[in-house]
Every structure is written in C-alpha cells, then in structure tokens.
C-alpha cells in the first residue's frame, strides 16, 4: 500500500471512530424524543465536524436535509465516509464535453457483460484511440472510426452503432450540450438522453449521479435501491402502512390497478412495491440522491463497483 493510500485509510479510520462516538450519544437522544418515521417532527442531529470537513458541501447539504426528514438515519449516515462524495479540488475535465462522452460510452460498453470483460474492452478501446493520436473523449474520432475496426476491439455491432450515434449527437450539439448538462433538470436530461439509442432510464440516473453530481436523482430500477428501501421500510412498519394508504388513494383516484408486490428470493427482505418506494422518495425532494445513496449503503452496495 502506498503512503498516500495508507494515510487516506488512517484518516478514514479516525473519521469513523469520531463519528461513532458522537452518533451513539445523539441517536440515543433522538430515540428518547421519538423518531420521525419519515416526517419532520424532531430537530435534525448535528453532523460530526470530521464528517463535514471530509465531504463535498453539496452532499453535506443533501445529508442534512435527509436527517431533517428522518433523523433515525443518523447512525447509518455517520458509520463511515462516502468516498464518492469526498471533498476535492475543482476537476478541469469536468468542463470538457469529451469527459461526459467517455462516461456515457463507458456505460454502454459495460452493458450486459461482466465487470472484467468490460474493463478489458474499455482498455482496448482507450489504447486504440490513444494510438490514433487522440482519446476516447474525442467524440469526433469515434464518429469517424471504421465500424469494423471498433468491432475488432470487442464491441458488439449494436454497441458500435450506439457509440457512433452518440458521438454524432455530441458533434451536432457541441456548442450547447455542456451548458445543458450543467443547467438541465432531471426531466430534461431524461428526455434528451433516452432519445439516444443504447441509453436507458437506469443509465441516465447513474450518469446524473456519478458524472453530473446532481442531488435530486432517484430510481427504483436498481436492485440495490429497492433492497435498501425495503429494509428501511420493514424497520418502520407504521411508515410503510402510511405510504401504502397514500399509494392506494392515488391509485383509486387514477382508477388504475396497483402493481403486484415483487418478492425477493432472499429471505432476509421482501421487495416493497416500487410505487411505495417512489412515494417515500418524494418526501426527500429536492435531495433524493442522498436518500438513494443511503439505500445503497443499507443494501450493502459497493458504490465504486456501481460507478465503474
């Protein structure tokens, strides 16, 4: 382990210890006052100084909002740092349109194959464009490359078509696309990206969270989110019952049949209806990303694997 990694690990351990000592005291106090059950009914708990100083300010604001809605999540929040939302210096590549192109293409390459296979193909594709005098971020080179050559790098014919079509879309909109990514709403982002073949709703949400760092993203198309949300609600039966009633009333108003409840093969948890989870997430707007991240943590999802 390098000195830098060793230092980072030691810092994380210190943060966890400092968080845990404070969280035990504060959570006990919160429980004594009665938990919020998903509604604002108790003052939010103060985050440890170490936690605040370690994380990005936007993420801290989102977490504080999360705890304002339900302070019983405090212990789960401060059990350790969220590496993906670590405070960092401004990244110059974030102002490069090609950076976002490469992130989208990474997602397409990874579709329906193992992580190991995806990493191998990504390396071949990246090495190829570097040898051609460019980078994968240079979407013009990708648009102009021969499809047969790209097939030889391990991409399926369909993924080659998706990649080249998106490269052409970036070329057509390169004067306005970067600003669009920075300023767009989640709804606007979905509308644009879903129109690109090869991009589905889950991919848009992951791009929004991990590339654009938007703080009001949420999806029930992710098993980790459903697992975490289901565990969260199973521990709060009154809230679950309340949400079921709300959804039932909405369905009655809309005169639609409710979806059947999915059942997990894992006996430790039963998947809660997607509509109920979405209804729950609405209570945490406009910072649903923090809730989704917490559900990933509760559901034991490795964010580094998810991001890659």
C-alpha atoms as a PDB file:
ATOM      1  CA  UNK A   1       0.000   0.000   0.000  1.00  0.00           C
ATOM      2  CA  UNK A   2       1.346   3.445  -0.975  1.00  0.00           C
ATOM      3  CA  UNK A   3       1.976   6.161   1.609  1.00  0.00           C
ATOM      4  CA  UNK A   4      -0.916   8.189   0.158  1.00  0.00           C
ATOM      5  CA  UNK A   5      -3.370   5.286   0.350  1.00  0.00           C
ATOM      6  CA  UNK A   6      -2.158   4.379   3.839  1.00  0.00           C
ATOM      7  CA  UNK A   7      -2.684   7.956   5.002  1.00  0.00           C
ATOM      8  CA  UNK A   8      -6.166   8.029   3.460  1.00  0.00           C
ATOM      9  CA  UNK A   9      -7.049   4.773   5.196  1.00  0.00           C
ATOM     10  CA  UNK A  10      -5.845   6.080   8.559  1.00  0.00           C
ATOM     11  CA  UNK A  11      -7.879   9.252   8.082  1.00  0.00           C
ATOM     12  CA  UNK A  12     -10.982   7.201   7.290  1.00  0.00           C
ATOM     13  CA  UNK A  13     -10.494   5.142  10.460  1.00  0.00           C
ATOM     14  CA  UNK A  14     -10.176   8.327  12.525  1.00  0.00           C
ATOM     15  CA  UNK A  15     -13.343   9.705  10.944  1.00  0.00           C
ATOM     16  CA  UNK A  16     -15.287   6.512  11.653  1.00  0.00           C
ATOM     17  CA  UNK A  17     -14.179   6.477  15.304  1.00  0.00           C
ATOM     18  CA  UNK A  18     -15.050  10.133  15.811  1.00  0.00           C
ATOM     19  CA  UNK A  19     -18.417   9.669  14.099  1.00  0.00           C
ATOM     20  CA  UNK A  20     -19.374   6.549  16.015  1.00  0.00           C
ATOM     21  CA  UNK A  21     -18.702   8.068  19.453  1.00  0.00           C
ATOM     22  CA  UNK A  22     -20.839  11.079  18.721  1.00  0.00           C
ATOM     23  CA  UNK A  23     -23.550   9.151  16.870  1.00  0.00           C
ATOM     24  CA  UNK A  24     -24.195   6.816  19.810  1.00  0.00           C
ATOM     25  CA  UNK A  25     -24.906   9.770  22.099  1.00  0.00           C
ATOM     26  CA  UNK A  26     -27.021  11.672  19.601  1.00  0.00           C
ATOM     27  CA  UNK A  27     -29.038   8.730  18.327  1.00  0.00           C
ATOM     28  CA  UNK A  28     -29.916   7.745  21.901  1.00  0.00           C
ATOM     29  CA  UNK A  29     -31.152  11.287  22.464  1.00  0.00           C
ATOM     30  CA  UNK A  30     -33.192  11.163  19.247  1.00  0.00           C
ATOM     31  CA  UNK A  31     -34.783   7.859  20.171  1.00  0.00           C
ATOM     32  CA  UNK A  32     -35.649   9.254  23.600  1.00  0.00           C
ATOM     33  CA  UNK A  33     -37.503  12.088  21.858  1.00  0.00           C
ATOM     34  CA  UNK A  34     -39.272   9.734  19.434  1.00  0.00           C
ATOM     35  CA  UNK A  35     -38.166   9.006  15.874  1.00  0.00           C
ATOM     36  CA  UNK A  36     -39.581  10.931  12.938  1.00  0.00           C
ATOM     37  CA  UNK A  37     -40.975   7.998  10.942  1.00  0.00           C
ATOM     38  CA  UNK A  38     -40.165   9.804   7.700  1.00  0.00           C
ATOM     39  CA  UNK A  39     -41.727  13.130   8.669  1.00  0.00           C
ATOM     40  CA  UNK A  40     -40.337  16.362  10.057  1.00  0.00           C
ATOM     41  CA  UNK A  41     -41.113  16.127  13.761  1.00  0.00           C
ATOM     42  CA  UNK A  42     -37.790  16.469  15.550  1.00  0.00           C
ATOM     43  CA  UNK A  43     -34.751  18.723  15.196  1.00  0.00           C
ATOM     44  CA  UNK A  44     -32.035  17.323  12.895  1.00  0.00           C
ATOM     45  CA  UNK A  45     -28.908  15.921  14.502  1.00  0.00           C
ATOM     46  CA  UNK A  46     -25.650  17.805  14.014  1.00  0.00           C
ATOM     47  CA  UNK A  47     -23.169  16.023  11.789  1.00  0.00           C
ATOM     48  CA  UNK A  48     -19.676  15.466  13.225  1.00  0.00           C
ATOM     49  CA  UNK A  49     -17.109  18.077  12.226  1.00  0.00           C
ATOM     50  CA  UNK A  50     -14.930  15.341  10.763  1.00  0.00           C
ATOM     51  CA  UNK A  51     -17.767  14.170   8.516  1.00  0.00           C
ATOM     52  CA  UNK A  52     -18.497  17.684   7.274  1.00  0.00           C
ATOM     53  CA  UNK A  53     -14.870  18.539   6.553  1.00  0.00           C
ATOM     54  CA  UNK A  54     -14.376  15.279   4.629  1.00  0.00           C
ATOM     55  CA  UNK A  55     -17.313  15.627   2.231  1.00  0.00           C
ATOM     56  CA  UNK A  56     -18.400  17.922  -0.580  1.00  0.00           C
ATOM     57  CA  UNK A  57     -20.523  20.858   0.589  1.00  0.00           C
ATOM     58  CA  UNK A  58     -23.424  19.991  -1.745  1.00  0.00           C
ATOM     59  CA  UNK A  59     -23.514  16.447  -0.405  1.00  0.00           C
ATOM     60  CA  UNK A  60     -23.454  17.714   3.188  1.00  0.00           C
ATOM     61  CA  UNK A  61     -26.430  19.961   2.437  1.00  0.00           C
ATOM     62  CA  UNK A  62     -28.273  16.958   0.992  1.00  0.00           C
ATOM     63  CA  UNK A  63     -27.457  14.779   4.016  1.00  0.00           C
ATOM     64  CA  UNK A  64     -28.605  17.493   6.421  1.00  0.00           C
ATOM     65  CA  UNK A  65     -31.900  17.645   4.542  1.00  0.00           C
ATOM     66  CA  UNK A  66     -32.145  13.850   4.762  1.00  0.00           C
ATOM     67  CA  UNK A  67     -31.687  13.933   8.535  1.00  0.00           C
ATOM     68  CA  UNK A  68     -34.176  16.763   8.868  1.00  0.00           C
ATOM     69  CA  UNK A  69     -36.780  14.443   7.358  1.00  0.00           C
ATOM     70  CA  UNK A  70     -35.704  11.327   9.267  1.00  0.00           C
ATOM     71  CA  UNK A  71     -33.054  11.665  11.965  1.00  0.00           C
ATOM     72  CA  UNK A  72     -33.165   7.932  12.717  1.00  0.00           C
ATOM     73  CA  UNK A  73     -30.900   7.534   9.682  1.00  0.00           C
ATOM     74  CA  UNK A  74     -28.137   9.358  11.539  1.00  0.00           C
ATOM     75  CA  UNK A  75     -26.272   6.257  12.674  1.00  0.00           C
ATOM     76  CA  UNK A  76     -26.255   4.806   9.156  1.00  0.00           C
ATOM     77  CA  UNK A  77     -25.061   8.121   7.729  1.00  0.00           C
ATOM     78  CA  UNK A  78     -22.083   8.571  10.033  1.00  0.00           C
ATOM     79  CA  UNK A  79     -20.930   4.953  10.238  1.00  0.00           C
ATOM     80  CA  UNK A  80     -18.238   5.871   7.727  1.00  0.00           C
ATOM     81  CA  UNK A  81     -17.332   8.319   4.958  1.00  0.00           C
ATOM     82  CA  UNK A  82     -18.869   8.293   1.478  1.00  0.00           C
ATOM     83  CA  UNK A  83     -15.794   8.171  -0.744  1.00  0.00           C
ATOM     84  CA  UNK A  84     -17.711   9.093  -3.886  1.00  0.00           C
ATOM     85  CA  UNK A  85     -18.712  12.417  -2.317  1.00  0.00           C
ATOM     86  CA  UNK A  86     -15.339  13.272  -0.831  1.00  0.00           C
ATOM     87  CA  UNK A  87     -14.345  16.941  -0.946  1.00  0.00           C
ATOM     88  CA  UNK A  88     -11.905  17.553  -3.796  1.00  0.00           C
ATOM     89  CA  UNK A  89     -10.306  20.281  -5.816  1.00  0.00           C
ATOM     90  CA  UNK A  90     -12.063  21.534  -8.951  1.00  0.00           C
ATOM     91  CA  UNK A  91     -11.606  19.000 -11.731  1.00  0.00           C
ATOM     92  CA  UNK A  92     -10.709  20.680 -15.060  1.00  0.00           C
ATOM     93  CA  UNK A  93     -12.021  17.715 -17.081  1.00  0.00           C
ATOM     94  CA  UNK A  94     -15.496  18.438 -15.717  1.00  0.00           C
ATOM     95  CA  UNK A  95     -15.584  21.377 -18.155  1.00  0.00           C
ATOM     96  CA  UNK A  96     -14.637  19.166 -21.097  1.00  0.00           C
ATOM     97  CA  UNK A  97     -17.572  17.855 -23.127  1.00  0.00           C
ATOM     98  CA  UNK A  98     -15.482  14.852 -24.121  1.00  0.00           C
ATOM     99  CA  UNK A  99     -15.286  13.799 -20.471  1.00  0.00           C
ATOM    100  CA  UNK A 100     -19.049  13.290 -20.389  1.00  0.00           C
ATOM    101  CA  UNK A 101     -18.971  11.477 -23.717  1.00  0.00           C
ATOM    102  CA  UNK A 102     -16.433   9.000 -22.347  1.00  0.00           C
ATOM    103  CA  UNK A 103     -18.567   8.428 -19.235  1.00  0.00           C
ATOM    104  CA  UNK A 104     -21.618   7.632 -21.350  1.00  0.00           C
ATOM    105  CA  UNK A 105     -19.651   5.289 -23.611  1.00  0.00           C
ATOM    106  CA  UNK A 106     -18.166   3.545 -20.575  1.00  0.00           C
ATOM    107  CA  UNK A 107     -21.717   2.752 -19.533  1.00  0.00           C
ATOM    108  CA  UNK A 108     -22.630   1.377 -22.951  1.00  0.00           C
ATOM    109  CA  UNK A 109     -19.523  -0.820 -23.063  1.00  0.00           C
ATOM    110  CA  UNK A 110     -20.415  -2.264 -19.651  1.00  0.00           C
ATOM    111  CA  UNK A 111     -23.968  -3.248 -20.577  1.00  0.00           C
ATOM    112  CA  UNK A 112     -24.826  -6.953 -20.214  1.00  0.00           C
ATOM    113  CA  UNK A 113     -21.240  -8.151 -19.707  1.00  0.00           C
ATOM    114  CA  UNK A 114     -19.103  -8.884 -16.651  1.00  0.00           C
ATOM    115  CA  UNK A 115     -17.028  -6.191 -14.984  1.00  0.00           C
ATOM    116  CA  UNK A 116     -13.835  -7.983 -16.021  1.00  0.00           C
ATOM    117  CA  UNK A 117     -14.885  -8.175 -19.673  1.00  0.00           C
ATOM    118  CA  UNK A 118     -15.969  -4.521 -19.647  1.00  0.00           C
ATOM    119  CA  UNK A 119     -12.620  -3.399 -18.195  1.00  0.00           C
ATOM    120  CA  UNK A 120     -10.755  -5.357 -20.884  1.00  0.00           C
ATOM    121  CA  UNK A 121     -12.775  -3.825 -23.727  1.00  0.00           C
ATOM    122  CA  UNK A 122     -12.501  -0.313 -22.263  1.00  0.00           C
ATOM    123  CA  UNK A 123      -8.712  -0.677 -22.178  1.00  0.00           C
ATOM    124  CA  UNK A 124      -8.588  -1.855 -25.798  1.00  0.00           C
ATOM    125  CA  UNK A 125     -10.814   0.993 -26.957  1.00  0.00           C
ATOM    126  CA  UNK A 126      -8.865   3.605 -24.978  1.00  0.00           C
ATOM    127  CA  UNK A 127      -5.491   2.289 -26.168  1.00  0.00           C
ATOM    128  CA  UNK A 128      -6.697   2.279 -29.768  1.00  0.00           C
ATOM    129  CA  UNK A 129      -7.728   5.922 -29.784  1.00  0.00           C
ATOM    130  CA  UNK A 130      -4.552   6.955 -27.979  1.00  0.00           C
ATOM    131  CA  UNK A 131      -2.505   5.256 -30.704  1.00  0.00           C
ATOM    132  CA  UNK A 132      -4.609   7.078 -33.275  1.00  0.00           C
ATOM    133  CA  UNK A 133      -3.446  10.346 -31.732  1.00  0.00           C
ATOM    134  CA  UNK A 134      -6.462  11.018 -29.580  1.00  0.00           C
ATOM    135  CA  UNK A 135      -8.522   9.862 -26.621  1.00  0.00           C
ATOM    136  CA  UNK A 136     -11.886   8.200 -26.141  1.00  0.00           C
ATOM    137  CA  UNK A 137     -13.061  11.653 -25.048  1.00  0.00           C
ATOM    138  CA  UNK A 138     -12.600  12.897 -28.619  1.00  0.00           C
ATOM    139  CA  UNK A 139     -16.002  12.026 -29.982  1.00  0.00           C
ATOM    140  CA  UNK A 140     -15.118  13.221 -33.497  1.00  0.00           C
ATOM    141  CA  UNK A 141     -12.525  10.455 -33.813  1.00  0.00           C
ATOM    142  CA  UNK A 142     -15.067   7.920 -32.597  1.00  0.00           C
ATOM    143  CA  UNK A 143     -17.684   9.131 -35.087  1.00  0.00           C
ATOM    144  CA  UNK A 144     -15.201   8.831 -37.962  1.00  0.00           C
ATOM    145  CA  UNK A 145     -13.684   5.470 -36.996  1.00  0.00           C
ATOM    146  CA  UNK A 146     -14.441   2.447 -39.153  1.00  0.00           C
ATOM    147  CA  UNK A 147     -17.118   0.242 -37.594  1.00  0.00           C
ATOM    148  CA  UNK A 148     -15.164  -2.918 -38.463  1.00  0.00           C
ATOM    149  CA  UNK A 149     -12.162  -1.622 -36.535  1.00  0.00           C
ATOM    150  CA  UNK A 150     -14.317  -0.930 -33.496  1.00  0.00           C
ATOM    151  CA  UNK A 151     -15.852  -4.402 -33.739  1.00  0.00           C
ATOM    152  CA  UNK A 152     -12.304  -5.749 -33.599  1.00  0.00           C
ATOM    153  CA  UNK A 153     -11.838  -4.028 -30.232  1.00  0.00           C
ATOM    154  CA  UNK A 154     -14.509  -6.235 -28.695  1.00  0.00           C
ATOM    155  CA  UNK A 155     -17.621  -4.115 -29.156  1.00  0.00           C
ATOM    156  CA  UNK A 156     -20.764  -5.762 -30.485  1.00  0.00           C
ATOM    157  CA  UNK A 157     -22.240  -4.423 -33.725  1.00  0.00           C
ATOM    158  CA  UNK A 158     -25.079  -2.843 -31.763  1.00  0.00           C
ATOM    159  CA  UNK A 159     -22.738  -1.139 -29.271  1.00  0.00           C
ATOM    160  CA  UNK A 160     -20.636   0.197 -32.148  1.00  0.00           C
ATOM    161  CA  UNK A 161     -23.782   1.720 -33.643  1.00  0.00           C
ATOM    162  CA  UNK A 162     -24.842   3.205 -30.294  1.00  0.00           C
ATOM    163  CA  UNK A 163     -21.377   4.662 -29.701  1.00  0.00           C
ATOM    164  CA  UNK A 164     -21.115   6.253 -33.130  1.00  0.00           C
ATOM    165  CA  UNK A 165     -24.664   7.640 -32.999  1.00  0.00           C
ATOM    166  CA  UNK A 166     -23.985   9.295 -29.636  1.00  0.00           C
ATOM    167  CA  UNK A 167     -20.692  10.680 -30.957  1.00  0.00           C
ATOM    168  CA  UNK A 168     -22.595  12.282 -33.840  1.00  0.00           C
ATOM    169  CA  UNK A 169     -25.155  13.703 -31.411  1.00  0.00           C
ATOM    170  CA  UNK A 170     -22.316  15.302 -29.422  1.00  0.00           C
ATOM    171  CA  UNK A 171     -20.896  16.823 -32.618  1.00  0.00           C
ATOM    172  CA  UNK A 172     -24.280  18.251 -33.613  1.00  0.00           C
ATOM    173  CA  UNK A 173     -24.867  19.795 -30.178  1.00  0.00           C
ATOM    174  CA  UNK A 174     -21.340  20.553 -29.005  1.00  0.00           C
ATOM    175  CA  UNK A 175     -21.971  24.308 -28.796  1.00  0.00           C
ATOM    176  CA  UNK A 176     -24.759  23.907 -26.250  1.00  0.00           C
ATOM    177  CA  UNK A 177     -24.513  20.415 -24.738  1.00  0.00           C
ATOM    178  CA  UNK A 178     -22.034  21.197 -21.966  1.00  0.00           C
ATOM    179  CA  UNK A 179     -24.169  24.063 -20.666  1.00  0.00           C
ATOM    180  CA  UNK A 180     -27.220  21.828 -20.968  1.00  0.00           C
ATOM    181  CA  UNK A 181     -25.627  19.177 -18.736  1.00  0.00           C
ATOM    182  CA  UNK A 182     -24.870  21.816 -16.100  1.00  0.00           C
ATOM    183  CA  UNK A 183     -28.263  23.541 -16.165  1.00  0.00           C
ATOM    184  CA  UNK A 184     -30.821  20.884 -17.090  1.00  0.00           C
ATOM    185  CA  UNK A 185     -33.456  19.433 -14.808  1.00  0.00           C
ATOM    186  CA  UNK A 186     -33.662  15.686 -14.287  1.00  0.00           C
ATOM    187  CA  UNK A 187     -36.719  15.563 -16.534  1.00  0.00           C
ATOM    188  CA  UNK A 188     -34.922  17.441 -19.327  1.00  0.00           C
ATOM    189  CA  UNK A 189     -31.884  15.175 -19.029  1.00  0.00           C
ATOM    190  CA  UNK A 190     -34.062  12.062 -19.306  1.00  0.00           C
ATOM    191  CA  UNK A 191     -35.860  13.402 -22.363  1.00  0.00           C
ATOM    192  CA  UNK A 192     -32.614  14.097 -24.209  1.00  0.00           C
ATOM    193  CA  UNK A 193     -30.603  11.019 -23.255  1.00  0.00           C
ATOM    194  CA  UNK A 194     -33.393   8.466 -23.681  1.00  0.00           C
ATOM    195  CA  UNK A 195     -33.583   9.635 -27.307  1.00  0.00           C
ATOM    196  CA  UNK A 196     -30.029   8.318 -27.780  1.00  0.00           C
ATOM    197  CA  UNK A 197     -30.170   4.627 -28.653  1.00  0.00           C
ATOM    198  CA  UNK A 198     -28.404   2.461 -26.100  1.00  0.00           C
ATOM    199  CA  UNK A 199     -29.305   4.676 -23.140  1.00  0.00           C
ATOM    200  CA  UNK A 200     -31.986   3.539 -20.697  1.00  0.00           C
ATOM    201  CA  UNK A 201     -33.526   5.169 -17.597  1.00  0.00           C
ATOM    202  CA  UNK A 202     -31.111   3.477 -15.169  1.00  0.00           C
ATOM    203  CA  UNK A 203     -28.112   4.663 -17.214  1.00  0.00           C
ATOM    204  CA  UNK A 204     -29.408   8.246 -17.196  1.00  0.00           C
ATOM    205  CA  UNK A 205     -29.732   8.214 -13.413  1.00  0.00           C
ATOM    206  CA  UNK A 206     -26.234   6.790 -12.915  1.00  0.00           C
ATOM    207  CA  UNK A 207     -24.798   9.408 -15.302  1.00  0.00           C
ATOM    208  CA  UNK A 208     -26.655  12.144 -13.442  1.00  0.00           C
ATOM    209  CA  UNK A 209     -25.337  10.997 -10.047  1.00  0.00           C
ATOM    210  CA  UNK A 210     -21.774   9.950 -10.836  1.00  0.00           C
ATOM    211  CA  UNK A 211     -20.879  12.309 -13.700  1.00  0.00           C
ATOM    212  CA  UNK A 212     -23.045  15.405 -13.226  1.00  0.00           C
ATOM    213  CA  UNK A 213     -23.171  15.169  -9.407  1.00  0.00           C
ATOM    214  CA  UNK A 214     -26.845  16.138  -9.308  1.00  0.00           C
ATOM    215  CA  UNK A 215     -28.515  15.869  -5.912  1.00  0.00           C
ATOM    216  CA  UNK A 216     -32.142  15.097  -6.742  1.00  0.00           C
ATOM    217  CA  UNK A 217     -31.834  11.745  -8.513  1.00  0.00           C
ATOM    218  CA  UNK A 218     -33.709   8.584  -7.663  1.00  0.00           C
ATOM    219  CA  UNK A 219     -34.569   5.300  -9.368  1.00  0.00           C
ATOM    220  CA  UNK A 220     -36.403   2.132  -8.436  1.00  0.00           C
ATOM    221  CA  UNK A 221     -34.802   0.340 -11.395  1.00  0.00           C
ATOM    222  CA  UNK A 222     -31.788  -0.510  -9.243  1.00  0.00           C
ATOM    223  CA  UNK A 223     -31.938  -3.689  -7.145  1.00  0.00           C
ATOM    224  CA  UNK A 224     -29.644  -2.170  -4.503  1.00  0.00           C
ATOM    225  CA  UNK A 225     -32.001   0.780  -4.056  1.00  0.00           C
ATOM    226  CA  UNK A 226     -35.041  -1.491  -3.796  1.00  0.00           C
ATOM    227  CA  UNK A 227     -33.242  -3.749  -1.326  1.00  0.00           C
ATOM    228  CA  UNK A 228     -32.138  -0.847   0.878  1.00  0.00           C
ATOM    229  CA  UNK A 229     -35.530   0.877   0.704  1.00  0.00           C
ATOM    230  CA  UNK A 230     -37.323  -2.364   1.539  1.00  0.00           C
ATOM    231  CA  UNK A 231     -35.132  -2.952   4.594  1.00  0.00           C
ATOM    232  CA  UNK A 232     -35.660   0.665   5.643  1.00  0.00           C
ATOM    233  CA  UNK A 233     -39.447   0.353   5.423  1.00  0.00           C
ATOM    234  CA  UNK A 234     -39.584  -3.064   7.072  1.00  0.00           C
ATOM    235  CA  UNK A 235     -37.958  -1.449  10.114  1.00  0.00           C
ATOM    236  CA  UNK A 236     -40.657   1.261  10.042  1.00  0.00           C
ATOM    237  CA  UNK A 237     -43.992  -0.597   9.726  1.00  0.00           C
ATOM    238  CA  UNK A 238     -46.087   2.466  10.593  1.00  0.00           C
ATOM    239  CA  UNK A 239     -44.485   4.483   7.810  1.00  0.00           C
ATOM    240  CA  UNK A 240     -44.901   1.574   5.380  1.00  0.00           C
ATOM    241  CA  UNK A 241     -48.598   1.329   6.222  1.00  0.00           C
ATOM    242  CA  UNK A 242     -48.999   5.084   5.804  1.00  0.00           C
ATOM    243  CA  UNK A 243     -47.313   5.038   2.384  1.00  0.00           C
ATOM    244  CA  UNK A 244     -49.422   2.078   1.276  1.00  0.00           C
ATOM    245  CA  UNK A 245     -52.554   4.060   2.145  1.00  0.00           C
ATOM    246  CA  UNK A 246     -51.278   7.082   0.207  1.00  0.00           C
ATOM    247  CA  UNK A 247     -50.500   4.993  -2.869  1.00  0.00           C
ATOM    248  CA  UNK A 248     -53.857   3.217  -2.639  1.00  0.00           C
ATOM    249  CA  UNK A 249     -55.644   6.574  -2.573  1.00  0.00           C
ATOM    250  CA  UNK A 250     -53.661   7.768  -5.583  1.00  0.00           C
ATOM    251  CA  UNK A 251     -54.429   4.577  -7.479  1.00  0.00           C
ATOM    252  CA  UNK A 252     -58.092   4.893  -6.577  1.00  0.00           C
ATOM    253  CA  UNK A 253     -58.105   8.443  -7.883  1.00  0.00           C
ATOM    254  CA  UNK A 254     -56.351   7.430 -11.087  1.00  0.00           C
ATOM    255  CA  UNK A 255     -58.554   4.324 -11.370  1.00  0.00           C
ATOM    256  CA  UNK A 256     -55.517   2.144 -12.041  1.00  0.00           C
ATOM    257  CA  UNK A 257     -54.678  -1.256 -10.661  1.00  0.00           C
ATOM    258  CA  UNK A 258     -51.765  -1.330  -8.237  1.00  0.00           C
ATOM    259  CA  UNK A 259     -48.673  -3.259  -9.285  1.00  0.00           C
ATOM    260  CA  UNK A 260     -48.094  -6.639  -7.731  1.00  0.00           C
ATOM    261  CA  UNK A 261     -45.529  -6.654  -4.956  1.00  0.00           C
ATOM    262  CA  UNK A 262     -42.271  -8.264  -6.022  1.00  0.00           C
ATOM    263  CA  UNK A 263     -40.833 -10.858  -3.701  1.00  0.00           C
ATOM    264  CA  UNK A 264     -37.094 -11.292  -3.294  1.00  0.00           C
ATOM    265  CA  UNK A 265     -35.600 -14.774  -3.208  1.00  0.00           C
ATOM    266  CA  UNK A 266     -33.576 -13.572  -0.224  1.00  0.00           C
ATOM    267  CA  UNK A 267     -35.496 -14.469   2.935  1.00  0.00           C
ATOM    268  CA  UNK A 268     -33.947 -11.530   4.795  1.00  0.00           C
ATOM    269  CA  UNK A 269     -36.029  -8.996   2.914  1.00  0.00           C
ATOM    270  CA  UNK A 270     -39.150  -8.685   0.770  1.00  0.00           C
ATOM    271  CA  UNK A 271     -39.156  -6.128  -2.023  1.00  0.00           C
ATOM    272  CA  UNK A 272     -41.621  -3.322  -1.406  1.00  0.00           C
ATOM    273  CA  UNK A 273     -43.796  -2.127  -4.285  1.00  0.00           C
ATOM    274  CA  UNK A 274     -41.967   0.386  -6.496  1.00  0.00           C
ATOM    275  CA  UNK A 275     -44.786   2.926  -6.195  1.00  0.00           C
ATOM    276  CA  UNK A 276     -44.439   2.925  -2.422  1.00  0.00           C
ATOM    277  CA  UNK A 277     -40.676   3.495  -2.642  1.00  0.00           C
ATOM    278  CA  UNK A 278     -41.161   6.323  -5.133  1.00  0.00           C
ATOM    279  CA  UNK A 279     -43.793   7.874  -2.858  1.00  0.00           C
ATOM    280  CA  UNK A 280     -41.336   7.692   0.026  1.00  0.00           C
ATOM    281  CA  UNK A 281     -38.610   9.341  -2.065  1.00  0.00           C
ATOM    282  CA  UNK A 282     -40.900  12.288  -2.836  1.00  0.00           C
ATOM    283  CA  UNK A 283     -40.693  13.268   0.841  1.00  0.00           C
ATOM    284  CA  UNK A 284     -36.958  13.843   0.467  1.00  0.00           C
ATOM    285  CA  UNK A 285     -37.040  16.169  -2.547  1.00  0.00           C
ATOM    286  CA  UNK A 286     -35.023  18.076  -3.690  1.00  0.00           C
ATOM    287  CA  UNK A 287     -32.199  15.890  -2.328  1.00  0.00           C
ATOM    288  CA  UNK A 288     -33.269  12.370  -3.260  1.00  0.00           C
ATOM    289  CA  UNK A 289     -29.717  11.431  -4.264  1.00  0.00           C
ATOM    290  CA  UNK A 290     -28.744  11.363  -0.585  1.00  0.00           C
ATOM    291  CA  UNK A 291     -31.647   9.012   0.122  1.00  0.00           C
ATOM    292  CA  UNK A 292     -30.645   6.750  -2.757  1.00  0.00           C
ATOM    293  CA  UNK A 293     -27.050   6.659  -1.512  1.00  0.00           C
ATOM    294  CA  UNK A 294     -28.311   5.726   1.941  1.00  0.00           C
ATOM    295  CA  UNK A 295     -30.415   2.917   0.481  1.00  0.00           C
ATOM    296  CA  UNK A 296     -27.313   1.661  -1.328  1.00  0.00           C
ATOM    297  CA  UNK A 297     -25.480   1.666   1.985  1.00  0.00           C
ATOM    298  CA  UNK A 298     -28.340  -0.096   3.775  1.00  0.00           C
ATOM    299  CA  UNK A 299     -28.497  -2.560   0.882  1.00  0.00           C
ATOM    300  CA  UNK A 300     -24.716  -3.168   1.070  1.00  0.00           C
ATOM    301  CA  UNK A 301     -23.966  -1.882  -2.446  1.00  0.00           C
ATOM    302  CA  UNK A 302     -20.354  -1.065  -3.368  1.00  0.00           C
ATOM    303  CA  UNK A 303     -20.541   2.402  -4.967  1.00  0.00           C
ATOM    304  CA  UNK A 304     -17.119   2.059  -6.590  1.00  0.00           C
ATOM    305  CA  UNK A 305     -18.311  -1.011  -8.469  1.00  0.00           C
ATOM    306  CA  UNK A 306     -21.585   0.699  -9.352  1.00  0.00           C
ATOM    307  CA  UNK A 307     -19.858   3.827 -10.661  1.00  0.00           C
ATOM    308  CA  UNK A 308     -17.399   1.860 -12.799  1.00  0.00           C
END
